[in-house]
Amino acid sequence: MSFTGQRIDENKWDNGKVKSSHSNASRINKSLSDFKKELEDLCYDAWDKNINITTRYLSSNLKKNKQSDKGFFDHMDQFIELGKKKWQDGTVTKFTTMKNHLQTLATENRLKINY
């Protein structure tokens, strides 16, 4: 199944929601609520079309799992930019170097790198 991207300690939960005392409670609860609604909509649509609801069906139809217009290297650039705010310079250099090696590999071998 799909990972929601949320990690919360067990003691921060109350009745299926993040306690309001958590610094990002409203943002996380909204994200989880939106995710729940999307899953419910997928299920109702599948029932209307007599589609067997499986993990594969749900996972392949979730918006967050759809192919993005951005390529792998666009996402990697974004990842590195976000990391610059919290990583040490050496870590940024390592990820940038890895990205450059992957780009060289892709170019020299006429490969398209994606995920």
PDB file of N, CA and C in Angstrom:
ATOM      1  N   MET A   1       0.848  -1.184   0.000  1.00  0.00           N
ATOM      2  CA  MET A   1       0.000   0.000   0.000  1.00  0.00           C
ATOM      3  C   MET A   1       0.883   1.233   0.000  1.00  0.00           C
ATOM      4  N   SER A   2       0.323   2.353  -0.033  1.00  0.00           N
ATOM      5  CA  SER A   2       1.058   3.602  -0.129  1.00  0.00           C
ATOM      6  C   SER A   2       1.378   4.160   1.250  1.00  0.00           C
ATOM      7  N   PHE A   3       2.542   4.715   1.362  1.00  0.00           N
ATOM      8  CA  PHE A   3       2.964   5.359   2.597  1.00  0.00           C
ATOM      9  C   PHE A   3       2.438   6.785   2.590  1.00  0.00           C
ATOM     10  N   THR A   4       1.883   7.248   3.694  1.00  0.00           N
ATOM     11  CA  THR A   4       1.295   8.580   3.759  1.00  0.00           C
ATOM     12  C   THR A   4       2.335   9.674   3.899  1.00  0.00           C
ATOM     13  N   GLY A   5       3.542   9.328   4.291  1.00  0.00           N
ATOM     14  CA  GLY A   5       4.570  10.327   4.493  1.00  0.00           C
ATOM     15  C   GLY A   5       4.562  10.926   5.893  1.00  0.00           C
ATOM     16  N   GLN A   6       3.686  10.460   6.732  1.00  0.00           N
ATOM     17  CA  GLN A   6       3.567  11.009   8.089  1.00  0.00           C
ATOM     18  C   GLN A   6       4.164  10.027   9.092  1.00  0.00           C
ATOM     19  N   ARG A   7       4.974  10.562  10.000  1.00  0.00           N
ATOM     20  CA  ARG A   7       5.553   9.753  11.084  1.00  0.00           C
ATOM     21  C   ARG A   7       5.284  10.487  12.383  1.00  0.00           C
ATOM     22  N   ILE A   8       4.486   9.877  13.219  1.00  0.00           N
ATOM     23  CA  ILE A   8       4.106  10.504  14.477  1.00  0.00           C
ATOM     24  C   ILE A   8       4.247   9.477  15.585  1.00  0.00           C
ATOM     25  N   ASP A   9       4.811   9.889  16.708  1.00  0.00           N
ATOM     26  CA  ASP A   9       4.908   9.008  17.863  1.00  0.00           C
ATOM     27  C   ASP A   9       3.508   8.595  18.307  1.00  0.00           C
ATOM     28  N   GLU A  10       3.416   7.378  18.789  1.00  0.00           N
ATOM     29  CA  GLU A  10       2.123   6.813  19.210  1.00  0.00           C
ATOM     30  C   GLU A  10       1.413   7.681  20.249  1.00  0.00           C
ATOM     31  N   ASN A  11       2.166   8.286  21.149  1.00  0.00           N
ATOM     32  CA  ASN A  11       1.549   9.090  22.211  1.00  0.00           C
ATOM     33  C   ASN A  11       1.002  10.432  21.718  1.00  0.00           C
ATOM     34  N   LYS A  12       1.231  10.764  20.449  1.00  0.00           N
ATOM     35  CA  LYS A  12       0.719  12.013  19.870  1.00  0.00           C
ATOM     36  C   LYS A  12      -0.623  11.813  19.163  1.00  0.00           C
ATOM     37  N   TRP A  13      -1.149  10.581  19.182  1.00  0.00           N
ATOM     38  CA  TRP A  13      -2.409  10.262  18.502  1.00  0.00           C
ATOM     39  C   TRP A  13      -3.561  10.258  19.495  1.00  0.00           C
ATOM     40  N   ASP A  14      -4.743  10.653  19.009  1.00  0.00           N
ATOM     41  CA  ASP A  14      -5.955  10.603  19.812  1.00  0.00           C
ATOM     42  C   ASP A  14      -7.138  10.401  18.874  1.00  0.00           C
ATOM     43  N   ASN A  15      -7.806   9.261  18.990  1.00  0.00           N
ATOM     44  CA  ASN A  15      -8.984   8.947  18.168  1.00  0.00           C
ATOM     45  C   ASN A  15      -8.727   9.095  16.675  1.00  0.00           C
ATOM     46  N   GLY A  16      -7.610   8.574  16.207  1.00  0.00           N
ATOM     47  CA  GLY A  16      -7.307   8.568  14.782  1.00  0.00           C
ATOM     48  C   GLY A  16      -6.806   9.879  14.223  1.00  0.00           C
ATOM     49  N   LYS A  17      -6.504  10.825  15.078  1.00  0.00           N
ATOM     50  CA  LYS A  17      -5.973  12.116  14.629  1.00  0.00           C
ATOM     51  C   LYS A  17      -4.770  12.485  15.486  1.00  0.00           C
ATOM     52  N   VAL A  18      -3.939  13.361  14.929  1.00  0.00           N
ATOM     53  CA  VAL A  18      -2.799  13.856  15.680  1.00  0.00           C
ATOM     54  C   VAL A  18      -3.308  14.873  16.694  1.00  0.00           C
ATOM     55  N   LYS A  19      -2.853  14.741  17.927  1.00  0.00           N
ATOM     56  CA  LYS A  19      -3.274  15.672  18.979  1.00  0.00           C
ATOM     57  C   LYS A  19      -2.914  17.102  18.606  1.00  0.00           C
ATOM     58  N   SER A  20      -3.779  18.021  18.985  1.00  0.00           N
ATOM     59  CA  SER A  20      -3.569  19.430  18.643  1.00  0.00           C
ATOM     60  C   SER A  20      -2.312  20.008  19.281  1.00  0.00           C
ATOM     61  N   SER A  21      -1.787  19.358  20.295  1.00  0.00           N
ATOM     62  CA  SER A  21      -0.564  19.841  20.936  1.00  0.00           C
ATOM     63  C   SER A  21       0.670  19.639  20.041  1.00  0.00           C
ATOM     64  N   HIS A  22       0.561  18.789  19.030  1.00  0.00           N
ATOM     65  CA  HIS A  22       1.670  18.569  18.095  1.00  0.00           C
ATOM     66  C   HIS A  22       1.809  19.801  17.203  1.00  0.00           C
ATOM     67  N   SER A  23       3.033  20.225  16.932  1.00  0.00           N
ATOM     68  CA  SER A  23       3.268  21.478  16.206  1.00  0.00           C
ATOM     69  C   SER A  23       2.668  21.505  14.793  1.00  0.00           C
ATOM     70  N   ASN A  24       2.562  20.379  14.135  1.00  0.00           N
ATOM     71  CA  ASN A  24       2.029  20.333  12.770  1.00  0.00           C
ATOM     72  C   ASN A  24       0.697  19.596  12.694  1.00  0.00           C
ATOM     73  N   ALA A  25      -0.030  19.542  13.792  1.00  0.00           N
ATOM     74  CA  ALA A  25      -1.244  18.735  13.861  1.00  0.00           C
ATOM     75  C   ALA A  25      -2.249  19.079  12.774  1.00  0.00           C
ATOM     76  N   SER A  26      -2.552  20.335  12.583  1.00  0.00           N
ATOM     77  CA  SER A  26      -3.593  20.692  11.610  1.00  0.00           C
ATOM     78  C   SER A  26      -3.172  20.328  10.191  1.00  0.00           C
ATOM     79  N   ARG A  27      -1.914  20.559   9.842  1.00  0.00           N
ATOM     80  CA  ARG A  27      -1.426  20.215   8.503  1.00  0.00           C
ATOM     81  C   ARG A  27      -1.457  18.697   8.279  1.00  0.00           C
ATOM     82  N   ILE A  28      -0.998  17.951   9.266  1.00  0.00           N
ATOM     83  CA  ILE A  28      -0.955  16.493   9.139  1.00  0.00           C
ATOM     84  C   ILE A  28      -2.371  15.919   9.102  1.00  0.00           C
ATOM     85  N   ASN A  29      -3.241  16.397   9.987  1.00  0.00           N
ATOM     86  CA  ASN A  29      -4.612  15.892   9.999  1.00  0.00           C
ATOM     87  C   ASN A  29      -5.330  16.199   8.685  1.00  0.00           C
ATOM     88  N   LYS A  30      -5.077  17.365   8.103  1.00  0.00           N
ATOM     89  CA  LYS A  30      -5.684  17.695   6.808  1.00  0.00           C
ATOM     90  C   LYS A  30      -5.162  16.772   5.727  1.00  0.00           C
ATOM     91  N   SER A  31      -3.858  16.537   5.732  1.00  0.00           N
ATOM     92  CA  SER A  31      -3.255  15.647   4.748  1.00  0.00           C
ATOM     93  C   SER A  31      -3.843  14.241   4.849  1.00  0.00           C
ATOM     94  N   LEU A  32      -3.973  13.743   6.084  1.00  0.00           N
ATOM     95  CA  LEU A  32      -4.541  12.414   6.285  1.00  0.00           C
ATOM     96  C   LEU A  32      -6.019  12.368   5.894  1.00  0.00           C
ATOM     97  N   SER A  33      -6.746  13.435   6.181  1.00  0.00           N
ATOM     98  CA  SER A  33      -8.157  13.519   5.805  1.00  0.00           C
ATOM     99  C   SER A  33      -8.310  13.516   4.283  1.00  0.00           C
ATOM    100  N   ASP A  34      -7.470  14.269   3.598  1.00  0.00           N
ATOM    101  CA  ASP A  34      -7.500  14.296   2.131  1.00  0.00           C
ATOM    102  C   ASP A  34      -7.179  12.919   1.553  1.00  0.00           C
ATOM    103  N   PHE A  35      -6.193  12.261   2.150  1.00  0.00           N
ATOM    104  CA  PHE A  35      -5.799  10.918   1.708  1.00  0.00           C
ATOM    105  C   PHE A  35      -6.958   9.934   1.897  1.00  0.00           C
ATOM    106  N   LYS A  36      -7.633  10.018   3.040  1.00  0.00           N
ATOM    107  CA  LYS A  36      -8.769   9.148   3.322  1.00  0.00           C
ATOM    108  C   LYS A  36      -9.884   9.386   2.304  1.00  0.00           C
ATOM    109  N   LYS A  37     -10.166  10.658   1.998  1.00  0.00           N
ATOM    110  CA  LYS A  37     -11.219  10.984   1.032  1.00  0.00           C
ATOM    111  C   LYS A  37     -10.869  10.434  -0.347  1.00  0.00           C
ATOM    112  N   GLU A  38      -9.617  10.561  -0.744  1.00  0.00           N
ATOM    113  CA  GLU A  38      -9.200  10.034  -2.043  1.00  0.00           C
ATOM    114  C   GLU A  38      -9.393   8.515  -2.104  1.00  0.00           C
ATOM    115  N   LEU A  39      -9.024   7.822  -1.030  1.00  0.00           N
ATOM    116  CA  LEU A  39      -9.230   6.368  -1.000  1.00  0.00           C
ATOM    117  C   LEU A  39     -10.717   6.008  -1.064  1.00  0.00           C
ATOM    118  N   GLU A  40     -11.536   6.746  -0.316  1.00  0.00           N
ATOM    119  CA  GLU A  40     -12.978   6.492  -0.351  1.00  0.00           C
ATOM    120  C   GLU A  40     -13.537   6.721  -1.752  1.00  0.00           C
ATOM    121  N   ASP A  41     -13.123   7.802  -2.397  1.00  0.00           N
ATOM    122  CA  ASP A  41     -13.585   8.087  -3.756  1.00  0.00           C
ATOM    123  C   ASP A  41     -13.175   6.986  -4.728  1.00  0.00           C
ATOM    124  N   LEU A  42     -11.948   6.494  -4.593  1.00  0.00           N
ATOM    125  CA  LEU A  42     -11.493   5.395  -5.448  1.00  0.00           C
ATOM    126  C   LEU A  42     -12.346   4.146  -5.241  1.00  0.00           C
ATOM    127  N   CYS A  43     -12.672   3.855  -3.989  1.00  0.00           N
ATOM    128  CA  CYS A  43     -13.494   2.681  -3.686  1.00  0.00           C
ATOM    129  C   CYS A  43     -14.898   2.834  -4.258  1.00  0.00           C
ATOM    130  N   TYR A  44     -15.520   3.989  -4.064  1.00  0.00           N
ATOM    131  CA  TYR A  44     -16.869   4.204  -4.604  1.00  0.00           C
ATOM    132  C   TYR A  44     -16.868   4.097  -6.120  1.00  0.00           C
ATOM    133  N   ASP A  45     -15.849   4.662  -6.765  1.00  0.00           N
ATOM    134  CA  ASP A  45     -15.744   4.583  -8.215  1.00  0.00           C
ATOM    135  C   ASP A  45     -15.582   3.133  -8.671  1.00  0.00           C
ATOM    136  N   ALA A  46     -14.751   2.373  -7.956  1.00  0.00           N
ATOM    137  CA  ALA A  46     -14.545   0.961  -8.299  1.00  0.00           C
ATOM    138  C   ALA A  46     -15.840   0.170  -8.132  1.00  0.00           C
ATOM    139  N   TRP A  47     -16.566   0.423  -7.054  1.00  0.00           N
ATOM    140  CA  TRP A  47     -17.827  -0.280  -6.843  1.00  0.00           C
ATOM    141  C   TRP A  47     -18.822   0.036  -7.964  1.00  0.00           C
ATOM    142  N   ASP A  48     -18.883   1.303  -8.364  1.00  0.00           N
ATOM    143  CA  ASP A  48     -19.787   1.698  -9.453  1.00  0.00           C
ATOM    144  C   ASP A  48     -19.447   0.995 -10.757  1.00  0.00           C
ATOM    145  N   LYS A  49     -18.167   0.716 -10.966  1.00  0.00           N
ATOM    146  CA  LYS A  49     -17.703   0.095 -12.211  1.00  0.00           C
ATOM    147  C   LYS A  49     -17.487  -1.407 -12.064  1.00  0.00           C
ATOM    148  N   ASN A  50     -17.874  -1.963 -10.915  1.00  0.00           N
ATOM    149  CA  ASN A  50     -17.675  -3.387 -10.625  1.00  0.00           C
ATOM    150  C   ASN A  50     -16.214  -3.819 -10.769  1.00  0.00           C
ATOM    151  N   ILE A  51     -15.331  -2.977 -10.312  1.00  0.00           N
ATOM    152  CA  ILE A  51     -13.900  -3.280 -10.328  1.00  0.00           C
ATOM    153  C   ILE A  51     -13.528  -3.874  -8.976  1.00  0.00           C
ATOM    154  N   ASN A  52     -12.768  -4.969  -9.019  1.00  0.00           N
ATOM    155  CA  ASN A  52     -12.291  -5.597  -7.799  1.00  0.00           C
ATOM    156  C   ASN A  52     -11.263  -4.680  -7.136  1.00  0.00           C
ATOM    157  N   ILE A  53     -11.519  -4.290  -5.905  1.00  0.00           N
ATOM    158  CA  ILE A  53     -10.621  -3.376  -5.198  1.00  0.00           C
ATOM    159  C   ILE A  53      -9.478  -4.182  -4.582  1.00  0.00           C
ATOM    160  N   THR A  54      -8.297  -3.921  -5.085  1.00  0.00           N
ATOM    161  CA  THR A  54      -7.094  -4.586  -4.590  1.00  0.00           C
ATOM    162  C   THR A  54      -6.080  -3.517  -4.182  1.00  0.00           C
ATOM    163  N   THR A  55      -5.065  -3.955  -3.494  1.00  0.00           N
ATOM    164  CA  THR A  55      -3.981  -3.048  -3.131  1.00  0.00           C
ATOM    165  C   THR A  55      -3.365  -2.456  -4.388  1.00  0.00           C
ATOM    166  N   ARG A  56      -3.161  -3.271  -5.394  1.00  0.00           N
ATOM    167  CA  ARG A  56      -2.568  -2.806  -6.654  1.00  0.00           C
ATOM    168  C   ARG A  56      -3.451  -1.748  -7.313  1.00  0.00           C
ATOM    169  N   TYR A  57      -4.768  -1.991  -7.330  1.00  0.00           N
ATOM    170  CA  TYR A  57      -5.702  -1.022  -7.920  1.00  0.00           C
ATOM    171  C   TYR A  57      -5.609   0.315  -7.198  1.00  0.00           C
ATOM    172  N   LEU A  58      -5.677   0.279  -5.876  1.00  0.00           N
ATOM    173  CA  LEU A  58      -5.637   1.521  -5.109  1.00  0.00           C
ATOM    174  C   LEU A  58      -4.302   2.236  -5.287  1.00  0.00           C
ATOM    175  N   SER A  59      -3.221   1.490  -5.179  1.00  0.00           N
ATOM    176  CA  SER A  59      -1.900   2.089  -5.279  1.00  0.00           C
ATOM    177  C   SER A  59      -1.671   2.730  -6.644  1.00  0.00           C
ATOM    178  N   SER A  60      -2.101   2.065  -7.701  1.00  0.00           N
ATOM    179  CA  SER A  60      -1.857   2.600  -9.044  1.00  0.00           C
ATOM    180  C   SER A  60      -2.774   3.768  -9.379  1.00  0.00           C
ATOM    181  N   ASN A  61      -3.843   3.959  -8.643  1.00  0.00           N
ATOM    182  CA  ASN A  61      -4.776   5.040  -8.938  1.00  0.00           C
ATOM    183  C   ASN A  61      -4.690   6.223  -7.975  1.00  0.00           C
ATOM    184  N   LEU A  62      -3.864   6.113  -6.949  1.00  0.00           N
ATOM    185  CA  LEU A  62      -3.685   7.244  -6.043  1.00  0.00           C
ATOM    186  C   LEU A  62      -2.962   8.368  -6.769  1.00  0.00           C
ATOM    187  N   LYS A  63      -3.403   9.592  -6.566  1.00  0.00           N
ATOM    188  CA  LYS A  63      -2.794  10.741  -7.238  1.00  0.00           C
ATOM    189  C   LYS A  63      -1.306  10.831  -6.952  1.00  0.00           C
ATOM    190  N   LYS A  64      -0.916  10.576  -5.702  1.00  0.00           N
ATOM    191  CA  LYS A  64       0.486  10.722  -5.341  1.00  0.00           C
ATOM    192  C   LYS A  64       1.373   9.687  -6.012  1.00  0.00           C
ATOM    193  N   ASN A  65       0.784   8.610  -6.566  1.00  0.00           N
ATOM    194  CA  ASN A  65       1.574   7.579  -7.215  1.00  0.00           C
ATOM    195  C   ASN A  65       1.565   7.709  -8.739  1.00  0.00           C
ATOM    196  N   LYS A  66       0.834   8.683  -9.258  1.00  0.00           N
ATOM    197  CA  LYS A  66       0.792   8.902 -10.700  1.00  0.00           C
ATOM    198  C   LYS A  66       2.124   9.470 -11.156  1.00  0.00           C
ATOM    199  N   GLN A  67       2.461   9.189 -12.413  1.00  0.00           N
ATOM    200  CA  GLN A  67       3.702   9.717 -12.972  1.00  0.00           C
ATOM    201  C   GLN A  67       3.675  11.237 -12.972  1.00  0.00           C
ATOM    202  N   SER A  68       4.744  11.831 -12.599  1.00  0.00           N
ATOM    203  CA  SER A  68       4.881  13.275 -12.582  1.00  0.00           C
ATOM    204  C   SER A  68       5.465  13.744 -13.904  1.00  0.00           C
ATOM    205  N   ASP A  69       5.195  14.991 -14.256  1.00  0.00           N
ATOM    206  CA  ASP A  69       5.803  15.571 -15.446  1.00  0.00           C
ATOM    207  C   ASP A  69       7.290  15.805 -15.233  1.00  0.00           C
ATOM    208  N   LYS A  70       7.681  15.932 -13.973  1.00  0.00           N
ATOM    209  CA  LYS A  70       9.086  16.143 -13.662  1.00  0.00           C
ATOM    210  C   LYS A  70       9.837  14.827 -13.822  1.00  0.00           C
ATOM    211  N   GLY A  71      11.058  14.938 -14.248  1.00  0.00           N
ATOM    212  CA  GLY A  71      11.896  13.767 -14.379  1.00  0.00           C
ATOM    213  C   GLY A  71      12.650  13.472 -13.099  1.00  0.00           C
ATOM    214  N   PHE A  72      13.368  12.376 -13.132  1.00  0.00           N
ATOM    215  CA  PHE A  72      14.133  11.935 -11.973  1.00  0.00           C
ATOM    216  C   PHE A  72      15.102  13.019 -11.502  1.00  0.00           C
ATOM    217  N   PHE A  73      15.827  13.625 -12.445  1.00  0.00           N
ATOM    218  CA  PHE A  73      16.847  14.594 -12.059  1.00  0.00           C
ATOM    219  C   PHE A  73      16.230  15.899 -11.544  1.00  0.00           C
ATOM    220  N   ASP A  74      15.035  16.257 -12.026  1.00  0.00           N
ATOM    221  CA  ASP A  74      14.331  17.417 -11.466  1.00  0.00           C
ATOM    222  C   ASP A  74      14.002  17.164 -10.001  1.00  0.00           C
ATOM    223  N   HIS A  75      13.535  15.960  -9.709  1.00  0.00           N
ATOM    224  CA  HIS A  75      13.218  15.609  -8.327  1.00  0.00           C
ATOM    225  C   HIS A  75      14.486  15.551  -7.472  1.00  0.00           C
ATOM    226  N   MET A  76      15.548  15.044  -8.057  1.00  0.00           N
ATOM    227  CA  MET A  76      16.795  14.967  -7.297  1.00  0.00           C
ATOM    228  C   MET A  76      17.320  16.372  -6.996  1.00  0.00           C
ATOM    229  N   ASP A  77      17.214  17.295  -7.958  1.00  0.00           N
ATOM    230  CA  ASP A  77      17.614  18.684  -7.712  1.00  0.00           C
ATOM    231  C   ASP A  77      16.789  19.292  -6.576  1.00  0.00           C
ATOM    232  N   GLN A  78      15.497  19.026  -6.606  1.00  0.00           N
ATOM    233  CA  GLN A  78      14.617  19.542  -5.546  1.00  0.00           C
ATOM    234  C   GLN A  78      15.007  18.947  -4.191  1.00  0.00           C
ATOM    235  N   PHE A  79      15.287  17.649  -4.179  1.00  0.00           N
ATOM    236  CA  PHE A  79      15.714  16.963  -2.963  1.00  0.00           C
ATOM    237  C   PHE A  79      16.987  17.600  -2.401  1.00  0.00           C
ATOM    238  N   ILE A  80      17.953  17.864  -3.271  1.00  0.00           N
ATOM    239  CA  ILE A  80      19.222  18.461  -2.832  1.00  0.00           C
ATOM    240  C   ILE A  80      18.991  19.877  -2.313  1.00  0.00           C
ATOM    241  N   GLU A  81      18.156  20.641  -3.002  1.00  0.00           N
ATOM    242  CA  GLU A  81      17.869  22.016  -2.546  1.00  0.00           C
ATOM    243  C   GLU A  81      17.236  22.019  -1.156  1.00  0.00           C
ATOM    244  N   LEU A  82      16.294  21.124  -0.929  1.00  0.00           N
ATOM    245  CA  LEU A  82      15.674  21.028   0.392  1.00  0.00           C
ATOM    246  C   LEU A  82      16.687  20.590   1.443  1.00  0.00           C
ATOM    247  N   GLY A  83      17.584  19.698   1.050  1.00  0.00           N
ATOM    248  CA  GLY A  83      18.597  19.204   1.971  1.00  0.00           C
ATOM    249  C   GLY A  83      19.609  20.255   2.380  1.00  0.00           C
ATOM    250  N   LYS A  84      19.842  21.234   1.523  1.00  0.00           N
ATOM    251  CA  LYS A  84      20.827  22.283   1.835  1.00  0.00           C
ATOM    252  C   LYS A  84      20.482  23.023   3.116  1.00  0.00           C
ATOM    253  N   LYS A  85      19.203  23.055   3.453  1.00  0.00           N
ATOM    254  CA  LYS A  85      18.760  23.766   4.651  1.00  0.00           C
ATOM    255  C   LYS A  85      19.129  23.032   5.938  1.00  0.00           C
ATOM    256  N   LYS A  86      19.331  21.717   5.843  1.00  0.00           N
ATOM    257  CA  LYS A  86      19.580  20.966   7.069  1.00  0.00           C
ATOM    258  C   LYS A  86      20.838  20.097   7.046  1.00  0.00           C
ATOM    259  N   TRP A  87      21.431  19.909   5.869  1.00  0.00           N
ATOM    260  CA  TRP A  87      22.612  19.071   5.759  1.00  0.00           C
ATOM    261  C   TRP A  87      23.889  19.894   5.890  1.00  0.00           C
ATOM    262  N   GLN A  88      24.955  19.183   6.195  1.00  0.00           N
ATOM    263  CA  GLN A  88      26.271  19.799   6.161  1.00  0.00           C
ATOM    264  C   GLN A  88      26.733  19.870   4.705  1.00  0.00           C
ATOM    265  N   ASP A  89      27.687  20.734   4.431  1.00  0.00           N
ATOM    266  CA  ASP A  89      28.154  20.941   3.056  1.00  0.00           C
ATOM    267  C   ASP A  89      28.637  19.645   2.403  1.00  0.00           C
ATOM    268  N   GLY A  90      29.304  18.794   3.176  1.00  0.00           N
ATOM    269  CA  GLY A  90      29.813  17.536   2.629  1.00  0.00           C
ATOM    270  C   GLY A  90      28.701  16.627   2.122  1.00  0.00           C
ATOM    271  N   THR A  91      27.583  16.628   2.810  1.00  0.00           N
ATOM    272  CA  THR A  91      26.443  15.803   2.393  1.00  0.00           C
ATOM    273  C   THR A  91      25.859  16.327   1.088  1.00  0.00           C
ATOM    274  N   VAL A  92      25.737  17.641   0.973  1.00  0.00           N
ATOM    275  CA  VAL A  92      25.239  18.247  -0.269  1.00  0.00           C
ATOM    276  C   VAL A  92      26.168  17.885  -1.417  1.00  0.00           C
ATOM    277  N   THR A  93      27.471  17.974  -1.170  1.00  0.00           N
ATOM    278  CA  THR A  93      28.456  17.632  -2.204  1.00  0.00           C
ATOM    279  C   THR A  93      28.318  16.172  -2.634  1.00  0.00           C
ATOM    280  N   LYS A  94      28.137  15.268  -1.676  1.00  0.00           N
ATOM    281  CA  LYS A  94      27.997  13.844  -2.006  1.00  0.00           C
ATOM    282  C   LYS A  94      26.776  13.591  -2.891  1.00  0.00           C
ATOM    283  N   PHE A  95      25.629  14.195  -2.543  1.00  0.00           N
ATOM    284  CA  PHE A  95      24.425  13.993  -3.347  1.00  0.00           C
ATOM    285  C   PHE A  95      24.563  14.633  -4.727  1.00  0.00           C
ATOM    286  N   THR A  96      25.195  15.794  -4.790  1.00  0.00           N
ATOM    287  CA  THR A  96      25.405  16.456  -6.082  1.00  0.00           C
ATOM    288  C   THR A  96      26.327  15.618  -6.961  1.00  0.00           C
ATOM    289  N   THR A  97      27.375  15.080  -6.371  1.00  0.00           N
ATOM    290  CA  THR A  97      28.302  14.224  -7.107  1.00  0.00           C
ATOM    291  C   THR A  97      27.589  12.970  -7.609  1.00  0.00           C
ATOM    292  N   MET A  98      26.774  12.360  -6.748  1.00  0.00           N
ATOM    293  CA  MET A  98      26.025  11.171  -7.166  1.00  0.00           C
ATOM    294  C   MET A  98      25.108  11.504  -8.339  1.00  0.00           C
ATOM    295  N   LYS A  99      24.423  12.636  -8.255  1.00  0.00           N
ATOM    296  CA  LYS A  99      23.533  13.053  -9.346  1.00  0.00           C
ATOM    297  C   LYS A  99      24.329  13.225 -10.640  1.00  0.00           C
ATOM    298  N   ASN A 100      25.488  13.860 -10.550  1.00  0.00           N
ATOM    299  CA  ASN A 100      26.325  14.066 -11.735  1.00  0.00           C
ATOM    300  C   ASN A 100      26.791  12.743 -12.337  1.00  0.00           C
ATOM    301  N   HIS A 101      27.161  11.786 -11.489  1.00  0.00           N
ATOM    302  CA  HIS A 101      27.570  10.461 -11.981  1.00  0.00           C
ATOM    303  C   HIS A 101      26.409   9.762 -12.685  1.00  0.00           C
ATOM    304  N   LEU A 102      25.218   9.862 -12.104  1.00  0.00           N
ATOM    305  CA  LEU A 102      24.047   9.241 -12.727  1.00  0.00           C
ATOM    306  C   LEU A 102      23.715   9.893 -14.063  1.00  0.00           C
ATOM    307  N   GLN A 103      23.851  11.214 -14.144  1.00  0.00           N
ATOM    308  CA  GLN A 103      23.597  11.901 -15.412  1.00  0.00           C
ATOM    309  C   GLN A 103      24.610  11.480 -16.474  1.00  0.00           C
ATOM    310  N   THR A 104      25.865  11.366 -16.076  1.00  0.00           N
ATOM    311  CA  THR A 104      26.901  10.911 -17.011  1.00  0.00           C
ATOM    312  C   THR A 104      26.614   9.492 -17.475  1.00  0.00           C
ATOM    313  N   LEU A 105      26.278   8.615 -16.548  1.00  0.00           N
ATOM    314  CA  LEU A 105      25.937   7.232 -16.881  1.00  0.00           C
ATOM    315  C   LEU A 105      24.778   7.188 -17.875  1.00  0.00           C
ATOM    316  N   ALA A 106      23.745   7.971 -17.607  1.00  0.00           N
ATOM    317  CA  ALA A 106      22.573   7.989 -18.478  1.00  0.00           C
ATOM    318  C   ALA A 106      22.921   8.501 -19.868  1.00  0.00           C
ATOM    319  N   THR A 107      23.702   9.558 -19.933  1.00  0.00           N
ATOM    320  CA  THR A 107      24.070  10.140 -21.225  1.00  0.00           C
ATOM    321  C   THR A 107      24.956   9.197 -22.027  1.00  0.00           C
ATOM    322  N   GLU A 108      26.002   8.670 -21.391  1.00  0.00           N
ATOM    323  CA  GLU A 108      26.954   7.807 -22.093  1.00  0.00           C
ATOM    324  C   GLU A 108      26.334   6.500 -22.559  1.00  0.00           C
ATOM    325  N   ASN A 109      25.346   6.010 -21.840  1.00  0.00           N
ATOM    326  CA  ASN A 109      24.738   4.722 -22.184  1.00  0.00           C
ATOM    327  C   ASN A 109      23.339   4.861 -22.779  1.00  0.00           C
ATOM    328  N   ARG A 110      22.965   6.097 -23.080  1.00  0.00           N
ATOM    329  CA  ARG A 110      21.646   6.386 -23.662  1.00  0.00           C
ATOM    330  C   ARG A 110      20.525   5.752 -22.853  1.00  0.00           C
ATOM    331  N   LEU A 111      20.584   6.001 -21.546  1.00  0.00           N
ATOM    332  CA  LEU A 111      19.579   5.467 -20.620  1.00  0.00           C
ATOM    333  C   LEU A 111      18.665   6.578 -20.151  1.00  0.00           C
ATOM    334  N   LYS A 112      17.453   6.205 -19.858  1.00  0.00           N
ATOM    335  CA  LYS A 112      16.541   7.147 -19.199  1.00  0.00           C
ATOM    336  C   LYS A 112      16.378   6.647 -17.768  1.00  0.00           C
ATOM    337  N   ILE A 113      16.762   7.467 -16.827  1.00  0.00           N
ATOM    338  CA  ILE A 113      16.662   7.080 -15.419  1.00  0.00           C
ATOM    339  C   ILE A 113      15.362   7.630 -14.875  1.00  0.00           C
ATOM    340  N   ASN A 114      14.543   6.740 -14.323  1.00  0.00           N
ATOM    341  CA  ASN A 114      13.281   7.147 -13.707  1.00  0.00           C
ATOM    342  C   ASN A 114      12.979   6.213 -12.554  1.00  0.00           C
ATOM    343  N   TYR A 115      11.867   6.460 -11.918  1.00  0.00           N
ATOM    344  CA  TYR A 115      11.455   5.633 -10.803  1.00  0.00           C
ATOM    345  C   TYR A 115       9.960   5.548 -10.752  1.00  0.00           C
TER     346      TYR A 115
END
